[in-house]
């Protein structure tokens, strides 16, 4: 049994390849682990605010010293972190927009990056120690071109960024699934290739 957190970031709905591929992965996981529960966070429908000075000040104020205004400001982060801590498996949909992730997914990452909760600073120029080492994630991405190999590989700032971010907070990436080359072979063929990779995954 798994506690699955399904994170959606595509601004598209019915025609989103990443949503369709993400749903297929969730279905595969729930079939593999009967009794699993799924929580959905759709960042297109319910985006978190981008960080501002008030958020930063709230993060660095000890909980017992936060003002009423700071408690209201930090609510978005607290809710997102609580949901994350309850999950043991993440399915993160990260379609490529202008070579990288959506701003809504970046805002979500900013809100769950919390010292002493999801990571522990080590100082001396070292990367932080991730505190979520009991969790795994599956990355789902989609793109018009082919970025997993070939001439465009160096322009893929989706998988490397999401993978690196997750490693910093301690989460292991268990798989990456792509619906790529949509402008070359068509959306349906690109998506079908992604479905085939899920079907072959054990």
C-alpha atoms as a PDB file:
ATOM      1  CA  UNK A   1       0.000   0.000   0.000  1.00  0.00           C
ATOM      2  CA  UNK A   2       1.272   3.446  -0.957  1.00  0.00           C
ATOM      3  CA  UNK A   3       0.346   6.992  -0.026  1.00  0.00           C
ATOM      4  CA  UNK A   4       0.663   8.688  -3.400  1.00  0.00           C
ATOM      5  CA  UNK A   5       0.905  12.435  -3.923  1.00  0.00           C
ATOM      6  CA  UNK A   6       0.081  13.340  -7.522  1.00  0.00           C
ATOM      7  CA  UNK A   7       1.402  16.795  -8.426  1.00  0.00           C
ATOM      8  CA  UNK A   8       0.042  18.345 -11.635  1.00  0.00           C
ATOM      9  CA  UNK A   9       1.502  21.505 -13.158  1.00  0.00           C
ATOM     10  CA  UNK A  10       0.300  21.673 -16.765  1.00  0.00           C
ATOM     11  CA  UNK A  11      -1.923  24.688 -17.487  1.00  0.00           C
ATOM     12  CA  UNK A  12      -3.636  22.534 -20.109  1.00  0.00           C
ATOM     13  CA  UNK A  13      -6.400  20.126 -19.129  1.00  0.00           C
ATOM     14  CA  UNK A  14      -8.091  17.750 -21.585  1.00  0.00           C
ATOM     15  CA  UNK A  15      -5.281  18.005 -24.144  1.00  0.00           C
ATOM     16  CA  UNK A  16      -2.376  17.748 -21.706  1.00  0.00           C
ATOM     17  CA  UNK A  17      -0.037  14.865 -22.483  1.00  0.00           C
ATOM     18  CA  UNK A  18       1.654  15.116 -19.092  1.00  0.00           C
ATOM     19  CA  UNK A  19      -1.700  14.800 -17.297  1.00  0.00           C
ATOM     20  CA  UNK A  20      -2.588  11.686 -19.301  1.00  0.00           C
ATOM     21  CA  UNK A  21       0.831  10.142 -18.702  1.00  0.00           C
ATOM     22  CA  UNK A  22       0.749  11.048 -15.005  1.00  0.00           C
ATOM     23  CA  UNK A  23      -2.680   9.478 -14.593  1.00  0.00           C
ATOM     24  CA  UNK A  24      -1.392   6.296 -16.240  1.00  0.00           C
ATOM     25  CA  UNK A  25       1.468   6.077 -13.750  1.00  0.00           C
ATOM     26  CA  UNK A  26      -0.889   6.584 -10.819  1.00  0.00           C
ATOM     27  CA  UNK A  27      -3.135   3.824 -12.198  1.00  0.00           C
ATOM     28  CA  UNK A  28      -0.122   1.519 -12.539  1.00  0.00           C
ATOM     29  CA  UNK A  29       0.957   2.209  -8.945  1.00  0.00           C
ATOM     30  CA  UNK A  30      -2.510   1.692  -7.468  1.00  0.00           C
ATOM     31  CA  UNK A  31      -2.870  -1.575  -9.398  1.00  0.00           C
ATOM     32  CA  UNK A  32       0.543  -2.735  -8.210  1.00  0.00           C
ATOM     33  CA  UNK A  33      -0.115  -1.707  -4.603  1.00  0.00           C
ATOM     34  CA  UNK A  34      -3.787  -2.404  -3.773  1.00  0.00           C
ATOM     35  CA  UNK A  35      -5.250  -0.212  -1.052  1.00  0.00           C
ATOM     36  CA  UNK A  36      -3.095   2.779  -1.987  1.00  0.00           C
ATOM     37  CA  UNK A  37      -4.461   6.270  -1.441  1.00  0.00           C
ATOM     38  CA  UNK A  38      -4.006   9.172  -3.857  1.00  0.00           C
ATOM     39  CA  UNK A  39      -3.897  12.881  -3.011  1.00  0.00           C
ATOM     40  CA  UNK A  40      -3.936  15.295  -5.929  1.00  0.00           C
ATOM     41  CA  UNK A  41      -2.425  18.775  -5.958  1.00  0.00           C
ATOM     42  CA  UNK A  42      -3.309  20.531  -9.203  1.00  0.00           C
ATOM     43  CA  UNK A  43      -1.107  23.603  -9.345  1.00  0.00           C
ATOM     44  CA  UNK A  44      -2.899  24.943 -12.426  1.00  0.00           C
ATOM     45  CA  UNK A  45      -6.233  25.031 -10.616  1.00  0.00           C
ATOM     46  CA  UNK A  46      -4.893  25.905  -7.169  1.00  0.00           C
ATOM     47  CA  UNK A  47      -1.478  27.592  -7.537  1.00  0.00           C
ATOM     48  CA  UNK A  48       0.672  28.591  -4.609  1.00  0.00           C
ATOM     49  CA  UNK A  49       1.745  32.236  -4.537  1.00  0.00           C
ATOM     50  CA  UNK A  50       5.237  33.067  -5.660  1.00  0.00           C
ATOM     51  CA  UNK A  51       7.527  33.869  -2.764  1.00  0.00           C
ATOM     52  CA  UNK A  52       7.764  37.446  -1.595  1.00  0.00           C
ATOM     53  CA  UNK A  53       9.491  39.160   1.315  1.00  0.00           C
ATOM     54  CA  UNK A  54       6.671  38.302   3.723  1.00  0.00           C
ATOM     55  CA  UNK A  55       7.021  34.594   2.993  1.00  0.00           C
ATOM     56  CA  UNK A  56      10.782  34.675   3.493  1.00  0.00           C
ATOM     57  CA  UNK A  57      10.446  36.551   6.784  1.00  0.00           C
ATOM     58  CA  UNK A  58       7.881  34.017   7.999  1.00  0.00           C
ATOM     59  CA  UNK A  59      10.146  31.084   7.119  1.00  0.00           C
ATOM     60  CA  UNK A  60      13.012  32.512   9.154  1.00  0.00           C
ATOM     61  CA  UNK A  61      10.918  33.482  12.175  1.00  0.00           C
ATOM     62  CA  UNK A  62      10.700  30.784  14.892  1.00  0.00           C
ATOM     63  CA  UNK A  63       7.208  29.285  14.987  1.00  0.00           C
ATOM     64  CA  UNK A  64       6.514  30.528  18.508  1.00  0.00           C
ATOM     65  CA  UNK A  65       7.388  34.108  17.503  1.00  0.00           C
ATOM     66  CA  UNK A  66       5.316  34.405  14.319  1.00  0.00           C
ATOM     67  CA  UNK A  67       2.734  37.131  14.183  1.00  0.00           C
ATOM     68  CA  UNK A  68      -0.865  36.552  13.126  1.00  0.00           C
ATOM     69  CA  UNK A  69       0.022  37.999   9.719  1.00  0.00           C
ATOM     70  CA  UNK A  70       3.025  35.679   9.380  1.00  0.00           C
ATOM     71  CA  UNK A  71       0.924  32.643  10.311  1.00  0.00           C
ATOM     72  CA  UNK A  72      -1.503  33.555   7.536  1.00  0.00           C
ATOM     73  CA  UNK A  73       1.349  34.100   5.093  1.00  0.00           C
ATOM     74  CA  UNK A  74       3.046  30.779   5.845  1.00  0.00           C
ATOM     75  CA  UNK A  75      -0.200  28.797   5.660  1.00  0.00           C
ATOM     76  CA  UNK A  76       0.352  27.844   2.014  1.00  0.00           C
ATOM     77  CA  UNK A  77       3.765  26.398   2.778  1.00  0.00           C
ATOM     78  CA  UNK A  78       2.623  24.621   5.936  1.00  0.00           C
ATOM     79  CA  UNK A  79      -0.237  22.907   4.101  1.00  0.00           C
ATOM     80  CA  UNK A  80       1.983  21.846   1.202  1.00  0.00           C
ATOM     81  CA  UNK A  81       4.681  20.495   3.517  1.00  0.00           C
ATOM     82  CA  UNK A  82       2.162  18.588   5.639  1.00  0.00           C
ATOM     83  CA  UNK A  83       0.723  16.932   2.531  1.00  0.00           C
ATOM     84  CA  UNK A  84       4.223  16.080   1.315  1.00  0.00           C
ATOM     85  CA  UNK A  85       5.282  14.558   4.646  1.00  0.00           C
ATOM     86  CA  UNK A  86       2.237  12.281   4.636  1.00  0.00           C
ATOM     87  CA  UNK A  87       3.115  10.807   1.228  1.00  0.00           C
ATOM     88  CA  UNK A  88       5.666   8.123   0.515  1.00  0.00           C
ATOM     89  CA  UNK A  89       5.447   8.195  -3.307  1.00  0.00           C
ATOM     90  CA  UNK A  90       5.260  11.248  -5.554  1.00  0.00           C
ATOM     91  CA  UNK A  91       4.168  11.455  -9.168  1.00  0.00           C
ATOM     92  CA  UNK A  92       5.346  14.833 -10.427  1.00  0.00           C
ATOM     93  CA  UNK A  93       4.100  16.077 -13.769  1.00  0.00           C
ATOM     94  CA  UNK A  94       6.574  18.591 -15.184  1.00  0.00           C
ATOM     95  CA  UNK A  95       5.806  19.444 -18.820  1.00  0.00           C
ATOM     96  CA  UNK A  96       8.479  21.463 -20.599  1.00  0.00           C
ATOM     97  CA  UNK A  97       7.751  25.138 -21.176  1.00  0.00           C
ATOM     98  CA  UNK A  98      10.569  27.144 -22.738  1.00  0.00           C
ATOM     99  CA  UNK A  99      13.056  24.398 -21.833  1.00  0.00           C
ATOM    100  CA  UNK A 100      12.142  24.264 -18.138  1.00  0.00           C
ATOM    101  CA  UNK A 101       9.336  23.676 -15.630  1.00  0.00           C
ATOM    102  CA  UNK A 102       6.219  25.783 -15.173  1.00  0.00           C
ATOM    103  CA  UNK A 103       6.377  28.711 -12.770  1.00  0.00           C
ATOM    104  CA  UNK A 104       3.625  27.090 -10.698  1.00  0.00           C
ATOM    105  CA  UNK A 105       5.782  24.012 -10.076  1.00  0.00           C
ATOM    106  CA  UNK A 106       8.753  26.225  -9.201  1.00  0.00           C
ATOM    107  CA  UNK A 107       6.579  28.099  -6.692  1.00  0.00           C
ATOM    108  CA  UNK A 108       5.513  24.773  -5.171  1.00  0.00           C
ATOM    109  CA  UNK A 109       9.144  23.690  -4.838  1.00  0.00           C
ATOM    110  CA  UNK A 110       9.971  27.003  -3.153  1.00  0.00           C
ATOM    111  CA  UNK A 111       7.228  26.474  -0.573  1.00  0.00           C
ATOM    112  CA  UNK A 112       8.319  22.930   0.342  1.00  0.00           C
ATOM    113  CA  UNK A 113      11.994  23.826   0.711  1.00  0.00           C
ATOM    114  CA  UNK A 114      12.045  24.336   4.465  1.00  0.00           C
ATOM    115  CA  UNK A 115      15.141  24.269   6.660  1.00  0.00           C
ATOM    116  CA  UNK A 116      14.819  21.765   9.478  1.00  0.00           C
ATOM    117  CA  UNK A 117      11.778  20.128   7.873  1.00  0.00           C
ATOM    118  CA  UNK A 118      12.694  18.986   4.367  1.00  0.00           C
ATOM    119  CA  UNK A 119      16.428  19.692   4.488  1.00  0.00           C
ATOM    120  CA  UNK A 120      19.191  20.410   6.970  1.00  0.00           C
ATOM    121  CA  UNK A 121      21.856  23.006   6.084  1.00  0.00           C
ATOM    122  CA  UNK A 122      25.421  21.741   6.338  1.00  0.00           C
ATOM    123  CA  UNK A 123      27.301  24.982   5.697  1.00  0.00           C
ATOM    124  CA  UNK A 124      30.874  25.209   4.392  1.00  0.00           C
ATOM    125  CA  UNK A 125      29.611  25.399   0.821  1.00  0.00           C
ATOM    126  CA  UNK A 126      28.135  21.905   0.943  1.00  0.00           C
ATOM    127  CA  UNK A 127      24.743  20.872  -0.366  1.00  0.00           C
ATOM    128  CA  UNK A 128      22.096  20.508   2.348  1.00  0.00           C
ATOM    129  CA  UNK A 129      21.222  17.110   3.747  1.00  0.00           C
ATOM    130  CA  UNK A 130      17.822  15.956   2.545  1.00  0.00           C
ATOM    131  CA  UNK A 131      15.447  14.884   5.309  1.00  0.00           C
ATOM    132  CA  UNK A 132      12.854  13.040   3.180  1.00  0.00           C
ATOM    133  CA  UNK A 133      14.894   9.907   2.580  1.00  0.00           C
ATOM    134  CA  UNK A 134      11.928   7.560   2.980  1.00  0.00           C
ATOM    135  CA  UNK A 135      10.218   8.843  -0.180  1.00  0.00           C
ATOM    136  CA  UNK A 136      10.458   8.115  -3.896  1.00  0.00           C
ATOM    137  CA  UNK A 137       9.285  10.053  -6.942  1.00  0.00           C
ATOM    138  CA  UNK A 138       8.364   9.490 -10.552  1.00  0.00           C
ATOM    139  CA  UNK A 139       8.953  12.359 -12.958  1.00  0.00           C
ATOM    140  CA  UNK A 140       6.587  12.841 -15.897  1.00  0.00           C
ATOM    141  CA  UNK A 141       7.483  15.269 -18.654  1.00  0.00           C
ATOM    142  CA  UNK A 142       6.274  16.161 -22.137  1.00  0.00           C
ATOM    143  CA  UNK A 143       7.741  18.269 -24.916  1.00  0.00           C
ATOM    144  CA  UNK A 144       7.460  19.185 -28.564  1.00  0.00           C
ATOM    145  CA  UNK A 145      11.008  18.097 -29.357  1.00  0.00           C
ATOM    146  CA  UNK A 146      13.128  15.140 -28.284  1.00  0.00           C
ATOM    147  CA  UNK A 147      15.267  16.135 -25.307  1.00  0.00           C
ATOM    148  CA  UNK A 148      16.219  12.793 -23.790  1.00  0.00           C
ATOM    149  CA  UNK A 149      18.966  12.368 -26.409  1.00  0.00           C
ATOM    150  CA  UNK A 150      20.458  13.999 -29.474  1.00  0.00           C
ATOM    151  CA  UNK A 151      21.137  17.641 -30.285  1.00  0.00           C
ATOM    152  CA  UNK A 152      18.555  19.052 -27.853  1.00  0.00           C
ATOM    153  CA  UNK A 153      19.648  17.094 -24.796  1.00  0.00           C
ATOM    154  CA  UNK A 154      21.637  20.017 -23.399  1.00  0.00           C
ATOM    155  CA  UNK A 155      18.487  22.147 -23.514  1.00  0.00           C
ATOM    156  CA  UNK A 156      16.533  19.870 -21.187  1.00  0.00           C
ATOM    157  CA  UNK A 157      16.304  21.799 -17.929  1.00  0.00           C
ATOM    158  CA  UNK A 158      13.292  19.819 -16.720  1.00  0.00           C
ATOM    159  CA  UNK A 159      14.480  16.361 -15.721  1.00  0.00           C
ATOM    160  CA  UNK A 160      17.923  17.475 -14.454  1.00  0.00           C
ATOM    161  CA  UNK A 161      16.409  20.279 -12.398  1.00  0.00           C
ATOM    162  CA  UNK A 162      13.559  18.241 -10.888  1.00  0.00           C
ATOM    163  CA  UNK A 163      15.910  15.320 -10.193  1.00  0.00           C
ATOM    164  CA  UNK A 164      18.498  17.582  -8.561  1.00  0.00           C
ATOM    165  CA  UNK A 165      15.901  19.417  -6.492  1.00  0.00           C
ATOM    166  CA  UNK A 166      14.404  16.174  -5.196  1.00  0.00           C
ATOM    167  CA  UNK A 167      17.839  14.816  -4.286  1.00  0.00           C
ATOM    168  CA  UNK A 168      18.556  17.935  -2.211  1.00  0.00           C
ATOM    169  CA  UNK A 169      15.509  17.260  -0.020  1.00  0.00           C
ATOM    170  CA  UNK A 170      16.319  13.543   0.099  1.00  0.00           C
ATOM    171  CA  UNK A 171      13.765  12.070  -2.330  1.00  0.00           C
ATOM    172  CA  UNK A 172      14.929   9.273  -4.625  1.00  0.00           C
ATOM    173  CA  UNK A 173      13.868   9.384  -8.280  1.00  0.00           C
ATOM    174  CA  UNK A 174      12.521   5.930  -9.144  1.00  0.00           C
ATOM    175  CA  UNK A 175      11.648   6.601 -12.784  1.00  0.00           C
ATOM    176  CA  UNK A 176      11.252   9.169 -15.546  1.00  0.00           C
ATOM    177  CA  UNK A 177       8.559   8.934 -18.225  1.00  0.00           C
ATOM    178  CA  UNK A 178       8.305  11.126 -21.303  1.00  0.00           C
ATOM    179  CA  UNK A 179       5.829  12.050 -24.018  1.00  0.00           C
ATOM    180  CA  UNK A 180       8.370  13.813 -26.198  1.00  0.00           C
ATOM    181  CA  UNK A 181       8.703  14.681 -29.866  1.00  0.00           C
ATOM    182  CA  UNK A 182       5.091  15.775 -30.193  1.00  0.00           C
ATOM    183  CA  UNK A 183       5.915  18.300 -32.916  1.00  0.00           C
ATOM    184  CA  UNK A 184       7.795  15.601 -34.837  1.00  0.00           C
ATOM    185  CA  UNK A 185       5.620  12.486 -34.625  1.00  0.00           C
ATOM    186  CA  UNK A 186       2.379  14.024 -33.386  1.00  0.00           C
ATOM    187  CA  UNK A 187       0.872  14.204 -29.895  1.00  0.00           C
ATOM    188  CA  UNK A 188      -0.836  10.811 -30.055  1.00  0.00           C
ATOM    189  CA  UNK A 189       2.276   8.916 -31.176  1.00  0.00           C
ATOM    190  CA  UNK A 190       4.441  10.658 -28.567  1.00  0.00           C
ATOM    191  CA  UNK A 191       1.937   9.853 -25.846  1.00  0.00           C
ATOM    192  CA  UNK A 192       1.632   6.245 -26.983  1.00  0.00           C
ATOM    193  CA  UNK A 193       5.387   5.844 -26.664  1.00  0.00           C
ATOM    194  CA  UNK A 194       5.118   7.147 -23.120  1.00  0.00           C
ATOM    195  CA  UNK A 195       2.335   4.667 -22.367  1.00  0.00           C
ATOM    196  CA  UNK A 196       4.494   1.860 -23.754  1.00  0.00           C
ATOM    197  CA  UNK A 197       7.322   2.802 -21.391  1.00  0.00           C
ATOM    198  CA  UNK A 198       4.886   2.586 -18.473  1.00  0.00           C
ATOM    199  CA  UNK A 199       3.552  -0.785 -19.634  1.00  0.00           C
ATOM    200  CA  UNK A 200       7.127  -2.132 -19.817  1.00  0.00           C
ATOM    201  CA  UNK A 201       7.993  -0.792 -16.357  1.00  0.00           C
ATOM    202  CA  UNK A 202       7.983  -3.291 -13.516  1.00  0.00           C
END
